[in-house]
């Protein structure tokens, strides 16, 4: 054999070796832990994780992952095998747990005996050519659910051409593995664990009613969603966080609920921490939470691709509040209270920083608060121009397209003469420029047509509210002498639509 032919064969062999993709197999262990098997491509010593931020290492992989083979090592950057001659497959055992972080998917969450949900973002590896091949194995006699489909007996993703975009979705989606069958509710499936019967009934009634309302307003979904609900008793534990957050408000300091969750590709996950019996406030908090999360089923990824958190989170809050108000599940007083707190907390939370340089605009409660305030301003601008279209009808029209909804699309729509026109130019400039946010917000509100009466000495951060927790709530009870005023909104079409700003 000539040297040339030998070189050709070697190059061909290298090409075949490179073409072998990495493999990621997900399965449920007998003791309900998650098992992830990583297959190394020939010649590869390391599989680098697609998600490499410090938080993922310190809070997820370091405490909860364990490599079962001695020939492979778990590192912050990825999995490394000690020798190219062995360890073609490295098995990682993952103990389920909860992050309890805003706007972060739960990596692996137990759903009672014999079921768990996971998010593939934490397990995906950096892009290869061809891309990694995912295999999902359903438990014996059980089922797997992902990408909006139930897959009895396991499922396998054969990724087509990269132009399809499917690989990116597989690397960033929710997977459910369960030995228990899903419950069939009206219009959705459910998997519920560790919840008292009263909370279970409330979740089912609210979810079924809200999904029926959203289908009526925004059309049918292309799939039947799956709702995952797990309870955690907090008997006797304080609910300070729930009481600070009006969307999560409990009955009082000793009795409350704290729902958390996420939504993606047909799966809604929620963890309901509860204490005592569910009263009217707890029921209201649960409905607000579900109304927000369930709406993400319709257009969640379209906002996710836009980058700015306030768009998707504020829009879901805006849709939720107006839907609950229209259904009679939220009265004028609560509706106005939530808008009042949205304006207050947004201004106080961002403060004098320019909007674009404020990191908190992307995390915690501020994307919800600020987004809700901006949505209300846009609606008021349209109303001031004589547009009588209801909030849900406006967004049905805006979302009738198929592309990502970003700030440009938002302001382009409301920039139409019959939908606010130039009234929102000041808000758009405030969000895009370097001007201090809190002082610029009242001017942007006035330009949008939001009329209000505030004292000239208005301060968004009253010095009398000394603690950090109190500073988040601008309406501080220990600052009665600081001047305030009222914002007047026509959102609910009644004399009560007056949002009070107490400083």
Protein backbone atom coordinates (compact mmCIF):
# COMPACT_ATOMS: atom_id res chain seq x y z
CA UNK A 1 0.00 0.00 0.00
CA UNK A 2 1.40 3.33 -1.00
CA UNK A 3 1.96 6.09 1.51
CA UNK A 4 -0.65 8.20 -0.27
CA UNK A 5 -3.34 5.49 0.03
CA UNK A 6 -2.46 4.94 3.67
CA UNK A 7 -2.84 8.66 4.34
CA UNK A 8 -6.23 8.65 2.62
CA UNK A 9 -7.39 5.72 4.80
CA UNK A 10 -6.14 7.43 7.95
CA UNK A 11 -7.97 10.64 7.07
CA UNK A 12 -11.14 8.68 6.34
CA UNK A 13 -10.86 6.86 9.67
CA UNK A 14 -10.39 10.15 11.48
CA UNK A 15 -13.42 11.55 9.71
CA UNK A 16 -15.55 8.58 10.78
CA UNK A 17 -14.33 8.86 14.34
CA UNK A 18 -15.17 12.55 14.41
CA UNK A 19 -18.60 11.86 12.94
CA UNK A 20 -19.57 9.64 15.88
CA UNK A 21 -21.68 11.87 18.14
CA UNK A 22 -21.57 12.11 21.90
CA UNK A 23 -24.42 10.27 23.59
CA UNK A 24 -26.57 11.34 26.55
CA UNK A 25 -28.98 8.76 27.99
CA UNK A 26 -31.45 9.73 30.72
CA UNK A 27 -33.14 7.17 32.98
CA UNK A 28 -34.75 6.81 36.40
CA UNK A 29 -32.79 4.75 38.95
CA UNK A 30 -34.55 2.21 41.16
CA UNK A 31 -34.27 4.56 44.15
CA UNK A 32 -35.70 7.49 42.13
CA UNK A 33 -32.41 9.27 41.52
CA UNK A 34 -31.53 10.37 37.99
CA UNK A 35 -29.01 8.39 35.98
CA UNK A 36 -27.21 10.12 33.11
CA UNK A 37 -24.91 8.09 30.87
CA UNK A 38 -22.44 10.04 28.75
CA UNK A 39 -20.86 8.28 25.78
CA UNK A 40 -17.56 9.84 24.66
CA UNK A 41 -16.90 10.10 20.91
CA UNK A 42 -13.85 8.16 19.78
CA UNK A 43 -10.70 10.14 20.49
CA UNK A 44 -12.41 12.64 22.79
CA UNK A 45 -11.00 12.98 26.29
CA UNK A 46 -13.49 15.59 27.54
CA UNK A 47 -17.17 16.38 27.15
CA UNK A 48 -17.59 20.08 27.94
CA UNK A 49 -20.90 21.18 29.44
CA UNK A 50 -22.96 23.67 27.44
CA UNK A 51 -23.88 25.41 30.73
CA UNK A 52 -20.71 26.34 32.60
CA UNK A 53 -21.62 29.23 34.91
CA UNK A 54 -20.37 29.14 38.49
CA UNK A 55 -23.86 28.82 39.92
CA UNK A 56 -24.49 25.60 38.01
CA UNK A 57 -21.28 24.11 39.41
CA UNK A 58 -21.61 25.26 43.03
CA UNK A 59 -25.35 24.67 43.46
CA UNK A 60 -26.09 21.82 41.06
CA UNK A 61 -23.22 19.61 39.90
CA UNK A 62 -20.79 19.79 42.82
CA UNK A 63 -23.32 18.84 45.56
CA UNK A 64 -25.70 16.61 43.58
CA UNK A 65 -23.67 14.78 40.89
CA UNK A 66 -21.46 11.69 41.40
CA UNK A 67 -19.54 9.82 38.69
CA UNK A 68 -19.84 6.07 39.24
CA UNK A 69 -16.79 5.01 37.20
CA UNK A 70 -13.24 5.63 38.45
CA UNK A 71 -12.01 6.25 34.91
CA UNK A 72 -13.91 9.55 34.58
CA UNK A 73 -13.73 12.79 36.58
CA UNK A 74 -16.36 15.48 37.09
CA UNK A 75 -14.92 19.00 36.68
CA UNK A 76 -16.54 22.44 36.49
CA UNK A 77 -16.01 22.53 32.72
CA UNK A 78 -17.23 19.01 31.98
CA UNK A 79 -16.54 15.29 32.21
CA UNK A 80 -12.98 14.11 31.62
CA UNK A 81 -11.89 10.53 31.14
CA UNK A 82 -8.49 9.59 32.50
CA UNK A 83 -7.50 7.52 29.50
CA UNK A 84 -8.57 7.33 25.85
CA UNK A 85 -8.33 3.54 26.08
CA UNK A 86 -11.18 3.13 28.55
CA UNK A 87 -14.37 4.60 29.92
CA UNK A 88 -16.32 4.95 26.70
CA UNK A 89 -19.39 5.52 28.87
CA UNK A 90 -19.37 7.53 32.11
CA UNK A 91 -22.39 7.15 34.39
CA UNK A 92 -23.44 10.13 36.53
CA UNK A 93 -25.85 9.73 39.42
CA UNK A 94 -27.84 12.88 40.19
CA UNK A 95 -29.66 13.37 43.48
CA UNK A 96 -32.87 15.36 42.93
CA UNK A 97 -33.18 18.68 44.72
CA UNK A 98 -34.57 22.21 44.44
CA UNK A 99 -32.71 25.40 43.55
CA UNK A 100 -35.53 27.75 44.62
CA UNK A 101 -34.09 30.50 42.39
CA UNK A 102 -36.05 32.97 40.26
CA UNK A 103 -35.86 32.45 36.53
CA UNK A 104 -33.72 29.31 36.84
CA UNK A 105 -35.14 25.94 35.84
CA UNK A 106 -34.94 23.19 38.46
CA UNK A 107 -32.21 20.74 37.37
CA UNK A 108 -33.82 17.58 38.80
CA UNK A 109 -36.99 17.66 40.90
CA UNK A 110 -38.57 14.70 42.69
CA UNK A 111 -42.31 14.32 42.15
CA UNK A 112 -43.17 11.84 44.86
CA UNK A 113 -42.34 8.16 44.67
CA UNK A 114 -41.25 6.99 41.23
CA UNK A 115 -41.23 10.23 39.25
CA UNK A 116 -38.95 13.18 38.57
CA UNK A 117 -38.62 16.11 36.21
CA UNK A 118 -35.33 17.40 34.86
CA UNK A 119 -34.12 20.19 32.61
CA UNK A 120 -31.72 19.20 29.85
CA UNK A 121 -29.85 22.53 29.92
CA UNK A 122 -27.77 21.30 32.87
CA UNK A 123 -26.84 18.02 31.13
CA UNK A 124 -26.24 19.17 27.56
CA UNK A 125 -22.70 19.23 26.16
CA UNK A 126 -21.13 21.79 23.86
CA UNK A 127 -21.92 21.50 20.18
CA UNK A 128 -20.23 18.80 18.15
CA UNK A 129 -20.57 17.93 14.48
CA UNK A 130 -22.77 15.93 14.49
CA UNK A 131 -24.58 17.08 17.62
CA UNK A 132 -25.01 14.94 20.73
CA UNK A 133 -27.64 12.22 20.53
CA UNK A 134 -30.18 12.20 23.37
CA UNK A 135 -31.92 8.99 24.49
CA UNK A 136 -34.72 9.08 27.06
CA UNK A 137 -35.59 5.76 28.68
CA UNK A 138 -38.98 5.52 30.33
CA UNK A 139 -39.14 3.36 33.47
CA UNK A 140 -40.46 -0.17 33.01
CA UNK A 141 -44.22 0.06 32.78
CA UNK A 142 -43.98 3.85 33.02
CA UNK A 143 -43.71 6.79 30.70
CA UNK A 144 -41.52 9.68 29.59
CA UNK A 145 -42.77 13.12 28.56
CA UNK A 146 -40.79 15.69 26.63
CA UNK A 147 -41.17 18.12 23.74
CA UNK A 148 -44.93 18.05 24.30
CA UNK A 149 -45.28 14.29 23.78
CA UNK A 150 -45.75 11.28 26.01
CA UNK A 151 -43.40 8.45 25.08
CA UNK A 152 -44.25 5.10 26.71
CA UNK A 153 -41.31 2.74 26.67
CA UNK A 154 -38.73 5.48 26.11
CA UNK A 155 -37.98 7.92 23.35
CA UNK A 156 -35.05 8.68 21.15
CA UNK A 157 -34.19 11.98 19.49
CA UNK A 158 -32.63 11.69 16.06
CA UNK A 159 -31.64 15.26 15.36
CA UNK A 160 -32.23 16.37 11.77
CA UNK A 161 -30.35 19.09 9.93
CA UNK A 162 -29.23 21.95 12.24
CA UNK A 163 -31.40 24.37 10.26
CA UNK A 164 -34.45 22.80 11.86
CA UNK A 165 -33.54 24.28 15.23
CA UNK A 166 -34.52 21.08 17.02
CA UNK A 167 -31.09 20.51 18.55
CA UNK A 168 -31.23 23.81 20.44
CA UNK A 169 -34.66 22.89 21.77
CA UNK A 170 -33.59 19.40 22.87
CA UNK A 171 -30.62 20.91 24.73
CA UNK A 172 -32.98 23.27 26.59
CA UNK A 173 -36.22 21.56 27.56
CA UNK A 174 -38.04 19.67 30.33
CA UNK A 175 -38.10 15.87 30.55
CA UNK A 176 -40.37 13.87 32.88
CA UNK A 177 -39.68 10.25 33.86
CA UNK A 178 -42.45 8.50 35.80
CA UNK A 179 -43.42 5.04 36.95
CA UNK A 180 -46.87 6.40 37.85
CA UNK A 181 -49.47 7.13 35.19
CA UNK A 182 -50.49 10.73 34.59
CA UNK A 183 -53.93 11.86 35.77
CA UNK A 184 -56.27 12.97 33.01
CA UNK A 185 -57.88 16.31 33.85
CA UNK A 186 -60.06 18.38 31.55
CA UNK A 187 -57.74 19.68 28.84
CA UNK A 188 -54.48 18.60 30.45
CA UNK A 189 -52.61 15.80 32.15
CA UNK A 190 -51.26 16.05 35.67
CA UNK A 191 -48.80 14.45 38.05
CA UNK A 192 -49.39 15.55 41.64
CA UNK A 193 -47.39 14.54 44.71
CA UNK A 194 -47.37 15.32 48.44
CA UNK A 195 -50.26 17.78 48.44
CA UNK A 196 -53.32 17.83 50.74
CA UNK A 197 -56.62 17.17 49.01
CA UNK A 198 -57.77 20.79 49.44
CA UNK A 199 -54.72 22.18 47.61
CA UNK A 200 -54.99 19.49 44.95
CA UNK A 201 -58.63 20.45 44.29
CA UNK A 202 -57.77 24.15 44.11
CA UNK A 203 -54.95 23.54 41.63
CA UNK A 204 -57.14 21.38 39.41
CA UNK A 205 -60.10 23.77 39.43
CA UNK A 206 -57.94 26.82 38.72
CA UNK A 207 -55.85 25.13 36.02
CA UNK A 208 -58.85 23.75 34.14
CA UNK A 209 -60.73 27.07 34.24
CA UNK A 210 -57.71 29.16 33.22
CA UNK A 211 -56.74 26.88 30.35
CA UNK A 212 -60.32 27.00 29.04
CA UNK A 213 -60.23 30.80 29.23
CA UNK A 214 -56.87 31.02 27.45
CA UNK A 215 -57.96 28.62 24.72
CA UNK A 216 -61.01 30.82 24.18
CA UNK A 217 -58.90 33.98 24.04
CA UNK A 218 -55.73 32.77 22.29
CA UNK A 219 -56.66 29.58 20.45
CA UNK A 220 -55.96 25.90 20.97
CA UNK A 221 -52.53 24.56 21.80
CA UNK A 222 -50.87 22.09 19.46
CA UNK A 223 -50.46 19.65 22.38
CA UNK A 224 -52.11 18.67 25.64
CA UNK A 225 -50.00 20.20 28.43
CA UNK A 226 -48.68 18.34 31.46
CA UNK A 227 -48.93 19.95 34.90
CA UNK A 228 -46.48 18.79 37.58
CA UNK A 229 -47.29 19.80 41.15
CA UNK A 230 -45.33 18.85 44.26
CA UNK A 231 -46.12 19.98 47.78
CA UNK A 232 -43.80 20.81 50.66
CA UNK A 233 -45.26 21.36 54.13
CA UNK A 234 -43.81 24.31 56.02
CA UNK A 235 -45.84 23.96 59.22
CA UNK A 236 -44.85 26.71 61.63
CA UNK A 237 -42.29 28.23 59.25
CA UNK A 238 -42.40 32.00 58.55
CA UNK A 239 -43.51 33.12 55.13
CA UNK A 240 -41.66 36.43 54.95
CA UNK A 241 -40.82 35.99 51.26
CA UNK A 242 -44.42 35.26 50.38
CA UNK A 243 -45.63 38.31 52.25
CA UNK A 244 -43.10 40.59 50.55
CA UNK A 245 -44.19 39.41 47.11
CA UNK A 246 -47.82 40.33 46.33
CA UNK A 247 -48.02 37.62 43.68
CA UNK A 248 -47.14 35.05 46.35
CA UNK A 249 -49.06 36.53 49.27
CA UNK A 250 -50.26 34.10 51.94
CA UNK A 251 -53.10 34.39 54.45
CA UNK A 252 -50.96 35.90 57.20
CA UNK A 253 -47.54 35.53 58.78
CA UNK A 254 -48.27 32.00 60.02
CA UNK A 255 -50.54 30.64 57.28
CA UNK A 256 -49.55 30.99 53.66
CA UNK A 257 -48.42 29.46 50.42
CA UNK A 258 -45.32 29.97 48.32
CA UNK A 259 -45.64 28.66 44.74
CA UNK A 260 -42.63 28.47 42.44
CA UNK A 261 -42.34 26.97 39.00
CA UNK A 262 -41.38 27.09 35.37
CA UNK A 263 -42.91 26.31 31.99
CA UNK A 264 -41.42 24.97 28.81
CA UNK A 265 -42.52 22.93 25.80
CA UNK A 266 -45.84 21.74 27.16
CA UNK A 267 -44.72 21.09 30.74
CA UNK A 268 -45.69 23.25 33.71
CA UNK A 269 -43.77 22.59 36.93
CA UNK A 270 -44.77 23.99 40.30
CA UNK A 271 -43.68 23.46 43.88
CA UNK A 272 -46.22 24.62 46.44
CA UNK A 273 -44.81 25.25 49.90
CA UNK A 274 -47.73 25.62 52.27
CA UNK A 275 -48.50 26.21 55.93
CA UNK A 276 -51.92 25.68 57.43
CA UNK A 277 -55.23 25.70 55.60
CA UNK A 278 -55.69 27.55 52.34
CA UNK A 279 -57.80 30.67 52.78
CA UNK A 280 -58.93 33.38 50.37
CA UNK A 281 -55.52 35.03 50.05
CA UNK A 282 -53.76 31.73 49.52
CA UNK A 283 -56.32 30.79 46.89
CA UNK A 284 -55.84 34.15 45.20
CA UNK A 285 -52.05 33.79 45.22
CA UNK A 286 -52.33 30.33 43.68
CA UNK A 287 -54.63 31.62 40.94
CA UNK A 288 -52.30 34.52 40.10
CA UNK A 289 -49.36 32.15 39.92
CA UNK A 290 -51.14 29.62 37.70
CA UNK A 291 -52.58 32.34 35.47
CA UNK A 292 -49.07 33.67 34.87
CA UNK A 293 -47.37 30.31 34.30
CA UNK A 294 -50.09 28.71 32.18
CA UNK A 295 -50.04 31.61 29.74
CA UNK A 296 -46.36 30.85 29.06
CA UNK A 297 -47.61 27.68 27.32
CA UNK A 298 -48.78 29.82 24.42
CA UNK A 299 -45.84 32.11 23.71
CA UNK A 300 -43.07 31.43 26.25
CA UNK A 301 -40.26 30.71 23.79
CA UNK A 302 -41.12 33.72 21.64
CA UNK A 303 -40.32 36.07 24.54
CA UNK A 304 -37.43 33.93 25.80
CA UNK A 305 -35.61 34.48 22.52
CA UNK A 306 -35.96 38.25 22.89
CA UNK A 307 -33.45 38.52 25.74
CA UNK A 308 -35.15 41.17 27.91
CA UNK A 309 -36.85 39.45 30.83
CA UNK A 310 -39.48 42.14 31.35
CA UNK A 311 -41.12 41.37 28.03
CA UNK A 312 -42.16 37.79 28.73
CA UNK A 313 -42.62 38.04 32.49
CA UNK A 314 -44.40 41.38 32.41
CA UNK A 315 -46.61 40.23 29.57
CA UNK A 316 -47.60 37.04 31.41
CA UNK A 317 -48.41 39.09 34.51
CA UNK A 318 -50.43 41.56 32.44
CA UNK A 319 -52.39 38.80 30.73
CA UNK A 320 -52.90 37.00 34.06
CA UNK A 321 -54.22 40.06 35.89
CA UNK A 322 -56.63 41.01 33.14
CA UNK A 323 -57.82 37.43 32.70
CA UNK A 324 -58.46 36.98 36.42
CA UNK A 325 -60.24 40.35 36.56
CA UNK A 326 -62.44 39.42 33.59
CA UNK A 327 -63.26 36.03 35.15
CA UNK A 328 -64.35 37.71 38.38
CA UNK A 329 -61.53 36.09 40.35
CA UNK A 330 -59.86 39.43 41.10
CA UNK A 331 -61.68 42.56 42.24
CA UNK A 332 -60.78 46.14 41.41
CA UNK A 333 -58.98 46.73 44.70
CA UNK A 334 -56.56 43.82 44.29
CA UNK A 335 -56.01 44.65 40.61
CA UNK A 336 -55.10 48.22 41.47
CA UNK A 337 -52.97 47.14 44.44
CA UNK A 338 -50.82 44.92 42.20
CA UNK A 339 -50.35 47.73 39.68
CA UNK A 340 -49.47 50.14 42.48
CA UNK A 341 -46.82 47.78 43.78
CA UNK A 342 -45.49 47.17 40.28
CA UNK A 343 -44.77 50.87 39.69
CA UNK A 344 -43.38 51.36 43.18
CA UNK A 345 -41.12 48.32 43.29
CA UNK A 346 -39.83 48.81 39.76
CA UNK A 347 -38.77 52.39 40.46
CA UNK A 348 -37.34 51.56 43.87
CA UNK A 349 -35.57 48.42 42.68
CA UNK A 350 -33.81 50.00 39.69
CA UNK A 351 -33.31 53.37 41.39
CA UNK A 352 -30.99 55.97 39.83
CA UNK A 353 -29.10 53.50 37.59
CA UNK A 354 -29.69 53.57 33.85
CA UNK A 355 -32.04 50.74 32.95
CA UNK A 356 -29.55 49.00 30.65
CA UNK A 357 -26.82 48.83 33.28
CA UNK A 358 -29.06 47.53 36.08
CA UNK A 359 -28.39 43.77 36.45
CA UNK A 360 -31.47 43.32 38.64
CA UNK A 361 -33.71 44.06 35.66
CA UNK A 362 -33.10 40.45 34.56
CA UNK A 363 -33.59 38.60 37.85
CA UNK A 364 -35.76 38.34 40.94
CA UNK A 365 -39.12 40.10 41.01
CA UNK A 366 -38.18 43.21 38.99
CA UNK A 367 -38.76 41.71 35.51
CA UNK A 368 -42.33 41.03 36.65
CA UNK A 369 -42.89 44.38 38.33
CA UNK A 370 -41.29 46.56 35.68
CA UNK A 371 -42.80 44.57 32.84
CA UNK A 372 -46.26 44.89 34.34
CA UNK A 373 -45.80 48.65 34.77
CA UNK A 374 -44.62 49.06 31.16
CA UNK A 375 -47.57 47.01 29.87
CA UNK A 376 -49.99 49.20 31.82
CA UNK A 377 -48.34 52.33 30.40
CA UNK A 378 -48.63 51.02 26.85
CA UNK A 379 -52.30 50.23 27.33
CA UNK A 380 -52.97 53.63 28.83
CA UNK A 381 -51.18 55.32 25.90
CA UNK A 382 -53.47 53.48 23.48
CA UNK A 383 -56.55 54.34 25.54
CA UNK A 384 -55.59 58.02 25.55
CA UNK A 385 -55.53 57.91 21.75
CA UNK A 386 -59.12 56.70 21.76
CA UNK A 387 -58.40 53.02 21.22
CA UNK A 388 -61.12 50.97 22.92
CA UNK A 389 -59.50 47.56 22.37
CA UNK A 390 -59.37 45.50 25.57
CA UNK A 391 -55.97 44.37 26.94
CA UNK A 392 -56.39 40.72 25.95
CA UNK A 393 -57.61 41.68 22.49
CA UNK A 394 -54.57 43.89 21.97
CA UNK A 395 -52.22 41.04 22.78
CA UNK A 396 -54.14 38.53 20.72
CA UNK A 397 -53.41 40.77 17.74
CA UNK A 398 -49.77 41.37 18.70
CA UNK A 399 -49.13 37.64 19.16
CA UNK A 400 -50.89 36.60 15.96
CA UNK A 401 -47.53 36.50 14.19
CA UNK A 402 -44.88 33.82 14.56
CA UNK A 403 -41.60 35.62 15.25
CA UNK A 404 -39.83 36.41 18.51
CA UNK A 405 -41.36 39.30 20.46
CA UNK A 406 -38.61 41.72 21.39
CA UNK A 407 -38.55 45.37 22.44
CA UNK A 408 -38.52 46.53 18.84
CA UNK A 409 -41.68 44.55 18.10
CA UNK A 410 -43.33 45.82 21.28
CA UNK A 411 -42.63 49.47 20.59
CA UNK A 412 -43.33 49.10 16.88
CA UNK A 413 -46.84 47.87 17.64
CA UNK A 414 -47.61 50.49 20.25
CA UNK A 415 -45.93 53.12 18.09
CA UNK A 416 -48.86 52.93 15.69
CA UNK A 417 -50.90 56.11 15.78
CA UNK A 418 -54.01 54.26 16.97
CA UNK A 419 -52.07 52.38 19.67
CA UNK A 420 -50.34 55.19 21.53
CA UNK A 421 -48.17 56.67 18.81
CA UNK A 422 -45.39 58.89 20.13
CA UNK A 423 -46.68 58.65 23.68
CA UNK A 424 -44.28 55.78 24.36
CA UNK A 425 -41.19 57.43 22.84
CA UNK A 426 -40.06 58.61 26.29
CA UNK A 427 -40.32 55.11 27.75
CA UNK A 428 -38.46 53.62 24.80
CA UNK A 429 -35.68 56.21 25.15
CA UNK A 430 -35.49 55.62 28.91
CA UNK A 431 -35.01 51.87 28.42
CA UNK A 432 -32.42 52.31 25.67
CA UNK A 433 -30.40 55.25 27.00
CA UNK A 434 -28.15 56.21 29.88
CA UNK A 435 -30.58 58.41 31.81
CA UNK A 436 -31.19 57.56 35.49
CA UNK A 437 -34.23 55.32 35.60
CA UNK A 438 -36.24 56.35 38.68
CA UNK A 439 -36.22 60.11 37.92
CA UNK A 440 -37.06 59.41 34.28
CA UNK A 441 -39.98 57.10 34.94
CA UNK A 442 -42.51 59.80 36.00
CA UNK A 443 -41.76 61.78 32.82
CA UNK A 444 -42.22 58.65 30.69
CA UNK A 445 -45.49 57.97 32.50
CA UNK A 446 -46.75 61.48 31.83
CA UNK A 447 -45.81 61.18 28.16
CA UNK A 448 -47.70 57.89 27.93
CA UNK A 449 -50.81 59.61 29.23
CA UNK A 450 -50.69 58.27 32.76
CA UNK A 451 -51.93 61.21 34.76
CA UNK A 452 -50.86 61.52 38.36
CA UNK A 453 -50.33 64.04 41.10
CA UNK A 454 -47.06 63.76 42.98
CA UNK A 455 -45.28 66.22 45.25
CA UNK A 456 -42.21 67.92 43.67
CA UNK A 457 -39.99 66.48 46.41
CA UNK A 458 -40.87 62.91 45.45
CA UNK A 459 -38.15 60.39 46.26
CA UNK A 460 -38.39 56.81 45.06
CA UNK A 461 -36.21 55.55 47.94
CA UNK A 462 -37.44 57.11 51.21
CA UNK A 463 -34.57 57.31 53.70
CA UNK A 464 -36.98 56.59 56.56
CA UNK A 465 -37.34 53.01 55.32
CA UNK A 466 -34.09 51.81 56.76
CA UNK A 467 -34.04 48.07 56.11
CA UNK A 468 -33.31 46.46 52.78
CA UNK A 469 -36.61 44.58 52.94
CA UNK A 470 -38.52 47.80 53.59
CA UNK A 471 -36.73 49.59 50.77
CA UNK A 472 -38.13 47.02 48.36
CA UNK A 473 -41.59 48.08 49.46
CA UNK A 474 -41.83 51.76 48.72
CA UNK A 475 -45.07 51.98 50.70
CA UNK A 476 -43.21 51.89 54.02
CA UNK A 477 -45.42 52.15 57.09
CA UNK A 478 -42.68 53.95 59.00
CA UNK A 479 -42.52 56.85 56.54
CA UNK A 480 -45.93 58.55 56.85
CA UNK A 481 -44.57 62.06 56.53
CA UNK A 482 -42.96 61.60 53.11
CA UNK A 483 -45.16 63.15 50.40
CA UNK A 484 -46.98 60.94 47.89
CA UNK A 485 -49.76 61.09 45.35
CA UNK A 486 -51.91 59.11 42.93
CA UNK A 487 -51.49 57.62 39.48
CA UNK A 488 -54.68 57.56 37.46
CA UNK A 489 -55.15 54.67 35.06
CA UNK A 490 -58.13 53.77 32.92
CA UNK A 491 -57.20 50.11 32.76
CA UNK A 492 -60.25 48.70 34.44
CA UNK A 493 -62.65 51.42 33.40
CA UNK A 494 -63.86 52.38 36.85
CA UNK A 495 -63.43 55.24 39.28
CA UNK A 496 -61.34 52.90 41.42
CA UNK A 497 -58.59 52.68 38.82
CA UNK A 498 -56.42 55.04 40.78
CA UNK A 499 -53.01 53.71 41.71
CA UNK A 500 -51.70 55.24 44.90
CA UNK A 501 -47.99 56.00 45.21
CA UNK A 502 -47.24 56.58 48.89
CA UNK A 503 -43.76 57.85 49.57
